[in-house]
Amino acid sequence: MRCALRTRNVASVTAPELLGFDAFTTGLTLASLLALLLAVSAVGSALRNADLSSTAKTMWVLVIVLFPILGPIVYFGVRSDW
């Protein structure tokens, strides 16, 4: 008697199927981690900058937090001392 269920060969199972992710989600995860690292470093840099007033620091932190990709790029682009 034949079994009604089809079984797959173990060698045909790929890593993304086994682990549940593919190249798109891996790339998206790496891009998100890069954006987070960039935002955290920009916030730290803005808060340590002695040339900025407290109001300017607050505004930069808000811009960086609200726009986590574009905010740090603009902050580091405008800054001239790095």
C-alpha atoms as a PDB file:
ATOM      1  CA  MET A   1       0.000   0.000   0.000  1.00  0.00           C
ATOM      2  CA  ARG A   2       1.340   3.411  -0.961  1.00  0.00           C
ATOM      3  CA  CYS A   3       1.317   6.311   1.425  1.00  0.00           C
ATOM      4  CA  ALA A   4      -0.907   9.187   0.324  1.00  0.00           C
ATOM      5  CA  LEU A   5       1.523  11.816   1.635  1.00  0.00           C
ATOM      6  CA  ARG A   6       4.381  12.871  -0.576  1.00  0.00           C
ATOM      7  CA  THR A   7       7.698  13.181   1.129  1.00  0.00           C
ATOM      8  CA  ARG A   8      10.496  15.407  -0.037  1.00  0.00           C
ATOM      9  CA  ASN A   9      14.067  14.431  -0.338  1.00  0.00           C
ATOM     10  CA  VAL A  10      16.022  16.002   2.536  1.00  0.00           C
ATOM     11  CA  ALA A  11      18.740  17.154   0.143  1.00  0.00           C
ATOM     12  CA  SER A  12      16.226  19.249  -1.810  1.00  0.00           C
ATOM     13  CA  VAL A  13      15.323  21.458   1.162  1.00  0.00           C
ATOM     14  CA  THR A  14      17.139  24.782   0.888  1.00  0.00           C
ATOM     15  CA  ALA A  15      18.391  26.913   3.763  1.00  0.00           C
ATOM     16  CA  PRO A  16      15.792  29.694   3.261  1.00  0.00           C
ATOM     17  CA  GLU A  17      12.994  27.133   3.370  1.00  0.00           C
ATOM     18  CA  LEU A  18      14.466  25.546   6.455  1.00  0.00           C
ATOM     19  CA  LEU A  19      15.167  28.783   8.310  1.00  0.00           C
ATOM     20  CA  GLY A  20      12.191  30.747   6.989  1.00  0.00           C
ATOM     21  CA  PHE A  21      13.937  33.680   5.326  1.00  0.00           C
ATOM     22  CA  ASP A  22      15.174  34.647   1.900  1.00  0.00           C
ATOM     23  CA  ALA A  23      17.571  37.148   0.351  1.00  0.00           C
ATOM     24  CA  PHE A  24      15.020  39.974   0.451  1.00  0.00           C
ATOM     25  CA  THR A  25      14.394  39.704   4.177  1.00  0.00           C
ATOM     26  CA  THR A  26      18.102  39.312   4.830  1.00  0.00           C
ATOM     27  CA  GLY A  27      18.832  42.485   2.856  1.00  0.00           C
ATOM     28  CA  LEU A  28      15.995  44.326   4.558  1.00  0.00           C
ATOM     29  CA  THR A  29      17.295  43.256   7.965  1.00  0.00           C
ATOM     30  CA  LEU A  30      20.825  44.410   7.146  1.00  0.00           C
ATOM     31  CA  ALA A  31      19.531  47.742   5.821  1.00  0.00           C
ATOM     32  CA  SER A  32      17.473  48.231   8.978  1.00  0.00           C
ATOM     33  CA  LEU A  33      20.462  47.486  11.183  1.00  0.00           C
ATOM     34  CA  LEU A  34      22.589  49.910   9.177  1.00  0.00           C
ATOM     35  CA  ALA A  35      19.917  52.623   9.506  1.00  0.00           C
ATOM     36  CA  LEU A  36      19.692  52.000  13.245  1.00  0.00           C
ATOM     37  CA  LEU A  37      23.467  52.177  13.650  1.00  0.00           C
ATOM     38  CA  LEU A  38      23.613  55.383  11.629  1.00  0.00           C
ATOM     39  CA  ALA A  39      20.787  56.966  13.643  1.00  0.00           C
ATOM     40  CA  VAL A  40      22.292  55.992  17.002  1.00  0.00           C
ATOM     41  CA  SER A  41      25.709  57.340  16.030  1.00  0.00           C
ATOM     42  CA  ALA A  42      24.162  60.594  14.758  1.00  0.00           C
ATOM     43  CA  VAL A  43      22.168  61.090  17.976  1.00  0.00           C
ATOM     44  CA  GLY A  44      25.278  60.430  20.050  1.00  0.00           C
ATOM     45  CA  SER A  45      27.301  62.812  17.938  1.00  0.00           C
ATOM     46  CA  ALA A  46      24.651  65.533  18.139  1.00  0.00           C
ATOM     47  CA  LEU A  47      24.395  65.236  21.909  1.00  0.00           C
ATOM     48  CA  ARG A  48      28.192  65.370  22.353  1.00  0.00           C
ATOM     49  CA  ASN A  49      28.635  68.370  20.055  1.00  0.00           C
ATOM     50  CA  ALA A  50      29.615  71.298  22.293  1.00  0.00           C
ATOM     51  CA  ASP A  51      29.058  73.845  19.502  1.00  0.00           C
ATOM     52  CA  LEU A  52      25.298  73.229  19.442  1.00  0.00           C
ATOM     53  CA  SER A  53      22.877  74.881  21.852  1.00  0.00           C
ATOM     54  CA  SER A  54      20.391  72.727  23.734  1.00  0.00           C
ATOM     55  CA  THR A  55      17.628  73.814  21.357  1.00  0.00           C
ATOM     56  CA  ALA A  56      19.696  72.862  18.322  1.00  0.00           C
ATOM     57  CA  LYS A  57      20.557  69.500  19.900  1.00  0.00           C
ATOM     58  CA  THR A  58      16.869  68.856  20.557  1.00  0.00           C
ATOM     59  CA  MET A  59      15.935  69.758  16.981  1.00  0.00           C
ATOM     60  CA  TRP A  60      18.659  67.535  15.516  1.00  0.00           C
ATOM     61  CA  VAL A  61      17.645  64.600  17.706  1.00  0.00           C
ATOM     62  CA  LEU A  62      14.014  65.036  16.623  1.00  0.00           C
ATOM     63  CA  VAL A  63      15.000  65.162  12.948  1.00  0.00           C
ATOM     64  CA  ILE A  64      17.198  62.066  13.333  1.00  0.00           C
ATOM     65  CA  VAL A  65      14.536  60.098  15.225  1.00  0.00           C
ATOM     66  CA  LEU A  66      11.663  61.080  12.919  1.00  0.00           C
ATOM     67  CA  PHE A  67      13.676  60.417   9.740  1.00  0.00           C
ATOM     68  CA  PRO A  68      16.086  57.599  10.706  1.00  0.00           C
ATOM     69  CA  ILE A  69      17.679  57.282   7.265  1.00  0.00           C
ATOM     70  CA  LEU A  70      17.584  60.786   5.839  1.00  0.00           C
ATOM     71  CA  GLY A  71      18.104  62.585   9.186  1.00  0.00           C
ATOM     72  CA  PRO A  72      21.577  61.175   9.936  1.00  0.00           C
ATOM     73  CA  ILE A  73      22.662  61.671   6.328  1.00  0.00           C
ATOM     74  CA  VAL A  74      21.645  65.331   6.474  1.00  0.00           C
ATOM     75  CA  TYR A  75      23.222  65.756   9.934  1.00  0.00           C
ATOM     76  CA  PHE A  76      26.567  64.301   8.877  1.00  0.00           C
ATOM     77  CA  GLY A  77      26.379  66.195   5.567  1.00  0.00           C
ATOM     78  CA  VAL A  78      25.787  69.559   7.242  1.00  0.00           C
ATOM     79  CA  ARG A  79      28.393  68.996   9.916  1.00  0.00           C
ATOM     80  CA  SER A  80      31.801  70.271   8.867  1.00  0.00           C
ATOM     81  CA  ASP A  81      34.015  69.113  11.732  1.00  0.00           C
ATOM     82  CA  TRP A  82      34.198  65.435  11.019  1.00  0.00           C
END
